[in-house]
């Protein structure tokens, strides 16, 4: 088993199935033995019921430029029009605050998604429909977030847009810089993207509009009775 140097002192990273993992059992110096889970008086089901919806996390994943943020905003607008309570977590926005201390190395990307997964879980516990837009390139990290939630509450949406189309769009000029070697660890160019094996939903933005993609997700949520009268 390989151990790599990482940004967290006293926490070796183990290379498991191509993804860096933090060994939480070695972090005894930073943890208190007196921390216990505090149960709340109002359940997550009660919080969701008053909103007339079931909580879930709609996890949009795909390459940079695939259309994740556009679809996330379109989806939230549709749900808002239906009177639903939502929150959007966007990759760029989160890096302005909560994750501004993280870069784009493999280890930082793992930690980025771990934090977002925990935040999304808290929001779902509040009864919200959470929409996330993150490249989230590593399959194991997405599966980790799935494991935090009850069955059917993690909805993986693969934004299946070919690399060539993402490069053609290149709205932020990032692919050009990555090809020139100015951006290291860039997904799809110098860092891998692991395609979802069994996503709940797949949309192809090269052939359908963002509105159509969002509508497909709404239909799926109706089928799960996530949104109801």
C-alpha atoms as a PDB file:
ATOM      1  CA  UNK A   1       0.000   0.000   0.000  1.00  0.00           C
ATOM      2  CA  UNK A   2       1.385   3.390  -1.009  1.00  0.00           C
ATOM      3  CA  UNK A   3       1.584   6.399   1.305  1.00  0.00           C
ATOM      4  CA  UNK A   4       1.908   9.891  -0.129  1.00  0.00           C
ATOM      5  CA  UNK A   5       2.776  13.193   1.478  1.00  0.00           C
ATOM      6  CA  UNK A   6      -0.383  15.187   2.071  1.00  0.00           C
ATOM      7  CA  UNK A   7      -1.495  18.571   3.456  1.00  0.00           C
ATOM      8  CA  UNK A   8      -2.920  17.099   6.664  1.00  0.00           C
ATOM      9  CA  UNK A   9      -0.224  16.540   9.344  1.00  0.00           C
ATOM     10  CA  UNK A  10      -0.320  13.148  11.066  1.00  0.00           C
ATOM     11  CA  UNK A  11      -2.843  11.810   8.544  1.00  0.00           C
ATOM     12  CA  UNK A  12      -1.288   9.464   5.959  1.00  0.00           C
ATOM     13  CA  UNK A  13      -3.109   9.176   2.655  1.00  0.00           C
ATOM     14  CA  UNK A  14      -3.618   5.654   1.379  1.00  0.00           C
ATOM     15  CA  UNK A  15      -3.922   5.005  -2.340  1.00  0.00           C
ATOM     16  CA  UNK A  16      -7.049   2.914  -2.753  1.00  0.00           C
ATOM     17  CA  UNK A  17      -8.347   2.088  -6.223  1.00  0.00           C
ATOM     18  CA  UNK A  18      -6.658   5.136  -7.692  1.00  0.00           C
ATOM     19  CA  UNK A  19      -8.110   7.572  -5.169  1.00  0.00           C
ATOM     20  CA  UNK A  20      -6.334   9.105  -2.197  1.00  0.00           C
ATOM     21  CA  UNK A  21      -7.918   8.422   1.142  1.00  0.00           C
ATOM     22  CA  UNK A  22      -7.312   9.857   4.581  1.00  0.00           C
ATOM     23  CA  UNK A  23      -6.790   7.381   7.368  1.00  0.00           C
ATOM     24  CA  UNK A  24      -9.088   8.870  10.015  1.00  0.00           C
ATOM     25  CA  UNK A  25      -7.884   6.404  12.667  1.00  0.00           C
ATOM     26  CA  UNK A  26      -4.522   8.180  12.923  1.00  0.00           C
ATOM     27  CA  UNK A  27      -5.983  11.549  13.838  1.00  0.00           C
ATOM     28  CA  UNK A  28      -6.342  10.910  17.569  1.00  0.00           C
ATOM     29  CA  UNK A  29      -4.462  14.097  18.508  1.00  0.00           C
ATOM     30  CA  UNK A  30      -7.122  16.272  16.863  1.00  0.00           C
ATOM     31  CA  UNK A  31     -10.166  14.517  18.215  1.00  0.00           C
ATOM     32  CA  UNK A  32     -11.842  14.613  21.580  1.00  0.00           C
ATOM     33  CA  UNK A  33     -12.994  11.365  23.152  1.00  0.00           C
ATOM     34  CA  UNK A  34     -15.875  13.309  24.708  1.00  0.00           C
ATOM     35  CA  UNK A  35     -17.735  14.230  21.500  1.00  0.00           C
ATOM     36  CA  UNK A  36     -21.138  12.559  21.269  1.00  0.00           C
ATOM     37  CA  UNK A  37     -23.952  12.802  18.733  1.00  0.00           C
ATOM     38  CA  UNK A  38     -26.667  15.219  19.871  1.00  0.00           C
ATOM     39  CA  UNK A  39     -30.139  14.115  18.848  1.00  0.00           C
ATOM     40  CA  UNK A  40     -32.592  16.824  17.808  1.00  0.00           C
ATOM     41  CA  UNK A  41     -36.225  17.258  18.824  1.00  0.00           C
ATOM     42  CA  UNK A  42     -37.464  17.642  15.225  1.00  0.00           C
ATOM     43  CA  UNK A  43     -36.735  14.816  12.771  1.00  0.00           C
ATOM     44  CA  UNK A  44     -35.579  15.228   9.190  1.00  0.00           C
ATOM     45  CA  UNK A  45     -38.891  13.703   8.092  1.00  0.00           C
ATOM     46  CA  UNK A  46     -40.824  16.374   9.988  1.00  0.00           C
ATOM     47  CA  UNK A  47     -38.716  19.122   8.452  1.00  0.00           C
ATOM     48  CA  UNK A  48     -39.364  17.770   4.964  1.00  0.00           C
ATOM     49  CA  UNK A  49     -43.071  17.126   5.553  1.00  0.00           C
ATOM     50  CA  UNK A  50     -43.788  20.768   6.366  1.00  0.00           C
ATOM     51  CA  UNK A  51     -42.202  21.621   2.988  1.00  0.00           C
ATOM     52  CA  UNK A  52     -44.378  19.055   1.139  1.00  0.00           C
ATOM     53  CA  UNK A  53     -41.371  17.263  -0.290  1.00  0.00           C
ATOM     54  CA  UNK A  54     -38.875  14.518   0.386  1.00  0.00           C
ATOM     55  CA  UNK A  55     -35.234  15.537   0.875  1.00  0.00           C
ATOM     56  CA  UNK A  56     -32.639  14.431  -1.638  1.00  0.00           C
ATOM     57  CA  UNK A  57     -29.307  15.353  -3.176  1.00  0.00           C
ATOM     58  CA  UNK A  58     -29.254  15.735  -6.959  1.00  0.00           C
ATOM     59  CA  UNK A  59     -25.575  15.301  -7.745  1.00  0.00           C
ATOM     60  CA  UNK A  60     -24.586  16.692 -11.158  1.00  0.00           C
ATOM     61  CA  UNK A  61     -21.213  15.371 -12.316  1.00  0.00           C
ATOM     62  CA  UNK A  62     -19.306  15.833 -15.551  1.00  0.00           C
ATOM     63  CA  UNK A  63     -16.394  17.559 -17.201  1.00  0.00           C
ATOM     64  CA  UNK A  64     -15.710  21.270 -16.955  1.00  0.00           C
ATOM     65  CA  UNK A  65     -17.930  22.970 -19.501  1.00  0.00           C
ATOM     66  CA  UNK A  66     -20.404  20.088 -19.640  1.00  0.00           C
ATOM     67  CA  UNK A  67     -23.254  22.323 -18.466  1.00  0.00           C
ATOM     68  CA  UNK A  68     -23.580  21.361 -14.796  1.00  0.00           C
ATOM     69  CA  UNK A  69     -24.066  24.873 -13.401  1.00  0.00           C
ATOM     70  CA  UNK A  70     -26.476  25.856 -16.176  1.00  0.00           C
ATOM     71  CA  UNK A  71     -28.613  22.772 -15.605  1.00  0.00           C
ATOM     72  CA  UNK A  72     -28.462  23.204 -11.816  1.00  0.00           C
ATOM     73  CA  UNK A  73     -29.804  26.752 -12.075  1.00  0.00           C
ATOM     74  CA  UNK A  74     -32.463  25.725 -14.566  1.00  0.00           C
ATOM     75  CA  UNK A  75     -33.541  22.841 -12.337  1.00  0.00           C
ATOM     76  CA  UNK A  76     -33.750  25.048  -9.270  1.00  0.00           C
ATOM     77  CA  UNK A  77     -35.845  27.584 -11.162  1.00  0.00           C
ATOM     78  CA  UNK A  78     -38.313  24.832 -12.166  1.00  0.00           C
ATOM     79  CA  UNK A  79     -38.517  23.483  -8.623  1.00  0.00           C
ATOM     80  CA  UNK A  80     -38.915  26.986  -7.214  1.00  0.00           C
ATOM     81  CA  UNK A  81     -41.827  27.539  -9.593  1.00  0.00           C
ATOM     82  CA  UNK A  82     -43.404  24.408  -8.112  1.00  0.00           C
ATOM     83  CA  UNK A  83     -43.052  25.875  -4.627  1.00  0.00           C
ATOM     84  CA  UNK A  84     -40.225  23.545  -3.580  1.00  0.00           C
ATOM     85  CA  UNK A  85     -37.468  24.369  -1.094  1.00  0.00           C
ATOM     86  CA  UNK A  86     -34.046  24.001  -2.665  1.00  0.00           C
ATOM     87  CA  UNK A  87     -30.382  24.902  -2.377  1.00  0.00           C
ATOM     88  CA  UNK A  88     -27.649  24.862  -5.010  1.00  0.00           C
ATOM     89  CA  UNK A  89     -24.021  24.070  -4.202  1.00  0.00           C
ATOM     90  CA  UNK A  90     -21.779  25.112  -7.074  1.00  0.00           C
ATOM     91  CA  UNK A  91     -18.139  24.110  -7.430  1.00  0.00           C
ATOM     92  CA  UNK A  92     -16.742  27.581  -8.122  1.00  0.00           C
ATOM     93  CA  UNK A  93     -18.875  29.278  -5.465  1.00  0.00           C
ATOM     94  CA  UNK A  94     -17.882  26.852  -2.721  1.00  0.00           C
ATOM     95  CA  UNK A  95     -14.206  27.458  -3.466  1.00  0.00           C
ATOM     96  CA  UNK A  96     -14.724  31.139  -2.666  1.00  0.00           C
ATOM     97  CA  UNK A  97     -15.595  30.276   0.920  1.00  0.00           C
ATOM     98  CA  UNK A  98     -15.754  26.871   2.599  1.00  0.00           C
ATOM     99  CA  UNK A  99     -13.102  25.300   0.377  1.00  0.00           C
ATOM    100  CA  UNK A 100     -10.955  28.305  -0.448  1.00  0.00           C
ATOM    101  CA  UNK A 101      -8.011  26.615   1.289  1.00  0.00           C
ATOM    102  CA  UNK A 102      -8.026  23.744  -1.226  1.00  0.00           C
ATOM    103  CA  UNK A 103      -6.250  23.491  -4.551  1.00  0.00           C
ATOM    104  CA  UNK A 104      -6.721  21.002  -7.363  1.00  0.00           C
ATOM    105  CA  UNK A 105      -4.312  18.228  -6.482  1.00  0.00           C
ATOM    106  CA  UNK A 106      -5.801  14.765  -6.215  1.00  0.00           C
ATOM    107  CA  UNK A 107      -5.753  14.970  -2.411  1.00  0.00           C
ATOM    108  CA  UNK A 108      -7.440  18.388  -2.390  1.00  0.00           C
ATOM    109  CA  UNK A 109     -10.127  17.205  -4.786  1.00  0.00           C
ATOM    110  CA  UNK A 110     -10.922  14.295  -2.494  1.00  0.00           C
ATOM    111  CA  UNK A 111     -11.243  16.645   0.483  1.00  0.00           C
ATOM    112  CA  UNK A 112     -13.308  19.099  -1.592  1.00  0.00           C
ATOM    113  CA  UNK A 113     -15.950  16.473  -2.313  1.00  0.00           C
ATOM    114  CA  UNK A 114     -15.853  15.078   1.227  1.00  0.00           C
ATOM    115  CA  UNK A 115     -16.722  18.503   2.645  1.00  0.00           C
ATOM    116  CA  UNK A 116     -19.442  19.104   0.068  1.00  0.00           C
ATOM    117  CA  UNK A 117     -20.927  15.701   0.778  1.00  0.00           C
ATOM    118  CA  UNK A 118     -21.218  16.521   4.467  1.00  0.00           C
ATOM    119  CA  UNK A 119     -22.754  19.942   3.736  1.00  0.00           C
ATOM    120  CA  UNK A 120     -25.236  18.392   1.298  1.00  0.00           C
ATOM    121  CA  UNK A 121     -26.216  15.833   3.932  1.00  0.00           C
ATOM    122  CA  UNK A 122     -26.861  18.588   6.486  1.00  0.00           C
ATOM    123  CA  UNK A 123     -29.044  20.422   3.983  1.00  0.00           C
ATOM    124  CA  UNK A 124     -30.964  17.238   3.188  1.00  0.00           C
ATOM    125  CA  UNK A 125     -31.441  16.719   6.929  1.00  0.00           C
ATOM    126  CA  UNK A 126     -33.070  20.157   6.931  1.00  0.00           C
ATOM    127  CA  UNK A 127     -35.614  18.827   4.420  1.00  0.00           C
ATOM    128  CA  UNK A 128     -34.195  20.528   1.333  1.00  0.00           C
ATOM    129  CA  UNK A 129     -33.793  19.338  -2.234  1.00  0.00           C
ATOM    130  CA  UNK A 130     -30.068  19.917  -2.697  1.00  0.00           C
ATOM    131  CA  UNK A 131     -28.631  20.392  -6.177  1.00  0.00           C
ATOM    132  CA  UNK A 132     -24.873  20.125  -6.523  1.00  0.00           C
ATOM    133  CA  UNK A 133     -22.750  21.000  -9.544  1.00  0.00           C
ATOM    134  CA  UNK A 134     -19.234  19.582  -9.206  1.00  0.00           C
ATOM    135  CA  UNK A 135     -16.891  17.850 -11.607  1.00  0.00           C
ATOM    136  CA  UNK A 136     -16.333  15.291  -8.806  1.00  0.00           C
ATOM    137  CA  UNK A 137     -14.045  13.229 -11.042  1.00  0.00           C
ATOM    138  CA  UNK A 138     -13.457  10.234  -8.776  1.00  0.00           C
ATOM    139  CA  UNK A 139     -16.059   7.490  -8.579  1.00  0.00           C
ATOM    140  CA  UNK A 140     -15.107   6.505  -5.019  1.00  0.00           C
ATOM    141  CA  UNK A 141     -15.773  10.042  -3.764  1.00  0.00           C
ATOM    142  CA  UNK A 142     -19.232  10.148  -5.314  1.00  0.00           C
ATOM    143  CA  UNK A 143     -19.976   6.728  -3.814  1.00  0.00           C
ATOM    144  CA  UNK A 144     -18.824   8.035  -0.430  1.00  0.00           C
ATOM    145  CA  UNK A 145     -21.392  10.839  -0.587  1.00  0.00           C
ATOM    146  CA  UNK A 146     -24.048   8.327  -1.628  1.00  0.00           C
ATOM    147  CA  UNK A 147     -23.262   6.282   1.481  1.00  0.00           C
ATOM    148  CA  UNK A 148     -24.045   9.291   3.699  1.00  0.00           C
ATOM    149  CA  UNK A 149     -27.694   9.361   2.631  1.00  0.00           C
ATOM    150  CA  UNK A 150     -30.672   6.990   2.874  1.00  0.00           C
ATOM    151  CA  UNK A 151     -31.500   4.894  -0.218  1.00  0.00           C
ATOM    152  CA  UNK A 152     -32.973   6.864  -3.139  1.00  0.00           C
ATOM    153  CA  UNK A 153     -31.929  10.212  -1.675  1.00  0.00           C
ATOM    154  CA  UNK A 154     -28.693  10.418  -3.661  1.00  0.00           C
ATOM    155  CA  UNK A 155     -29.491  10.969  -7.322  1.00  0.00           C
ATOM    156  CA  UNK A 156     -26.400  10.875  -9.501  1.00  0.00           C
ATOM    157  CA  UNK A 157     -26.869  12.780 -12.748  1.00  0.00           C
ATOM    158  CA  UNK A 158     -24.160  12.218 -15.324  1.00  0.00           C
ATOM    159  CA  UNK A 159     -23.811  15.215 -17.621  1.00  0.00           C
ATOM    160  CA  UNK A 160     -22.466  13.257 -20.563  1.00  0.00           C
ATOM    161  CA  UNK A 161     -20.821  15.854 -22.763  1.00  0.00           C
ATOM    162  CA  UNK A 162     -17.889  14.804 -24.978  1.00  0.00           C
ATOM    163  CA  UNK A 163     -14.513  16.329 -24.179  1.00  0.00           C
ATOM    164  CA  UNK A 164     -14.383  17.787 -27.690  1.00  0.00           C
ATOM    165  CA  UNK A 165     -17.638  19.668 -27.103  1.00  0.00           C
ATOM    166  CA  UNK A 166     -16.482  20.928 -23.703  1.00  0.00           C
ATOM    167  CA  UNK A 167     -13.271  22.206 -25.295  1.00  0.00           C
ATOM    168  CA  UNK A 168     -15.225  23.854 -28.096  1.00  0.00           C
ATOM    169  CA  UNK A 169     -17.333  25.736 -25.552  1.00  0.00           C
ATOM    170  CA  UNK A 170     -14.445  26.562 -23.177  1.00  0.00           C
ATOM    171  CA  UNK A 171     -16.409  29.484 -21.754  1.00  0.00           C
ATOM    172  CA  UNK A 172     -13.756  30.188 -19.106  1.00  0.00           C
ATOM    173  CA  UNK A 173     -10.731  29.589 -21.326  1.00  0.00           C
ATOM    174  CA  UNK A 174      -9.562  26.825 -19.005  1.00  0.00           C
ATOM    175  CA  UNK A 175      -9.035  24.128 -21.613  1.00  0.00           C
ATOM    176  CA  UNK A 176      -6.784  26.402 -23.635  1.00  0.00           C
ATOM    177  CA  UNK A 177      -4.671  27.054 -20.557  1.00  0.00           C
ATOM    178  CA  UNK A 178      -4.636  23.368 -19.616  1.00  0.00           C
ATOM    179  CA  UNK A 179      -3.481  22.368 -23.108  1.00  0.00           C
ATOM    180  CA  UNK A 180      -0.727  24.962 -22.823  1.00  0.00           C
ATOM    181  CA  UNK A 181       0.394  23.454 -19.520  1.00  0.00           C
ATOM    182  CA  UNK A 182      -0.645  26.509 -17.516  1.00  0.00           C
ATOM    183  CA  UNK A 183      -3.165  24.590 -15.374  1.00  0.00           C
ATOM    184  CA  UNK A 184      -1.948  21.341 -13.806  1.00  0.00           C
ATOM    185  CA  UNK A 185      -4.267  18.529 -12.691  1.00  0.00           C
ATOM    186  CA  UNK A 186      -7.018  19.586 -15.102  1.00  0.00           C
ATOM    187  CA  UNK A 187      -9.762  16.982 -15.455  1.00  0.00           C
ATOM    188  CA  UNK A 188      -9.978  15.446 -18.886  1.00  0.00           C
ATOM    189  CA  UNK A 189      -6.534  16.739 -19.907  1.00  0.00           C
ATOM    190  CA  UNK A 190      -3.944  15.947 -17.238  1.00  0.00           C
ATOM    191  CA  UNK A 191      -6.182  14.370 -14.598  1.00  0.00           C
ATOM    192  CA  UNK A 192      -8.695  11.539 -15.083  1.00  0.00           C
ATOM    193  CA  UNK A 193     -12.475  11.644 -14.989  1.00  0.00           C
ATOM    194  CA  UNK A 194     -14.110   8.400 -13.903  1.00  0.00           C
ATOM    195  CA  UNK A 195     -17.441   8.019 -15.689  1.00  0.00           C
ATOM    196  CA  UNK A 196     -20.359   6.967 -13.451  1.00  0.00           C
ATOM    197  CA  UNK A 197     -21.146   3.280 -13.832  1.00  0.00           C
ATOM    198  CA  UNK A 198     -24.800   3.320 -12.771  1.00  0.00           C
ATOM    199  CA  UNK A 199     -26.091   6.905 -12.602  1.00  0.00           C
ATOM    200  CA  UNK A 200     -29.768   7.406 -11.878  1.00  0.00           C
ATOM    201  CA  UNK A 201     -29.984   9.848 -14.787  1.00  0.00           C
ATOM    202  CA  UNK A 202     -27.825  10.562 -17.846  1.00  0.00           C
ATOM    203  CA  UNK A 203     -28.277  13.669 -19.984  1.00  0.00           C
ATOM    204  CA  UNK A 204     -26.403  14.601 -23.141  1.00  0.00           C
ATOM    205  CA  UNK A 205     -26.064  18.351 -23.499  1.00  0.00           C
ATOM    206  CA  UNK A 206     -24.568  18.121 -26.979  1.00  0.00           C
ATOM    207  CA  UNK A 207     -27.976  17.122 -28.335  1.00  0.00           C
ATOM    208  CA  UNK A 208     -30.557  18.548 -25.892  1.00  0.00           C
ATOM    209  CA  UNK A 209     -31.009  21.897 -24.171  1.00  0.00           C
ATOM    210  CA  UNK A 210     -30.373  22.626 -20.498  1.00  0.00           C
ATOM    211  CA  UNK A 211     -34.114  23.155 -20.050  1.00  0.00           C
ATOM    212  CA  UNK A 212     -34.834  19.689 -21.421  1.00  0.00           C
ATOM    213  CA  UNK A 213     -32.186  18.195 -19.134  1.00  0.00           C
ATOM    214  CA  UNK A 214     -33.716  19.903 -16.120  1.00  0.00           C
ATOM    215  CA  UNK A 215     -37.192  18.758 -17.085  1.00  0.00           C
ATOM    216  CA  UNK A 216     -35.960  15.160 -17.281  1.00  0.00           C
ATOM    217  CA  UNK A 217     -34.682  15.447 -13.712  1.00  0.00           C
ATOM    218  CA  UNK A 218     -37.997  16.935 -12.539  1.00  0.00           C
ATOM    219  CA  UNK A 219     -39.852  13.967 -14.053  1.00  0.00           C
ATOM    220  CA  UNK A 220     -37.533  11.614 -12.210  1.00  0.00           C
ATOM    221  CA  UNK A 221     -38.172  13.405  -8.911  1.00  0.00           C
ATOM    222  CA  UNK A 222     -41.918  13.165  -9.499  1.00  0.00           C
ATOM    223  CA  UNK A 223     -41.538   9.441 -10.072  1.00  0.00           C
ATOM    224  CA  UNK A 224     -39.821   9.095  -6.717  1.00  0.00           C
ATOM    225  CA  UNK A 225     -42.529  11.252  -5.146  1.00  0.00           C
ATOM    226  CA  UNK A 226     -39.768  13.574  -3.948  1.00  0.00           C
ATOM    227  CA  UNK A 227     -42.080  16.414  -4.914  1.00  0.00           C
ATOM    228  CA  UNK A 228     -45.795  16.036  -4.269  1.00  0.00           C
ATOM    229  CA  UNK A 229     -48.872  18.146  -3.594  1.00  0.00           C
END
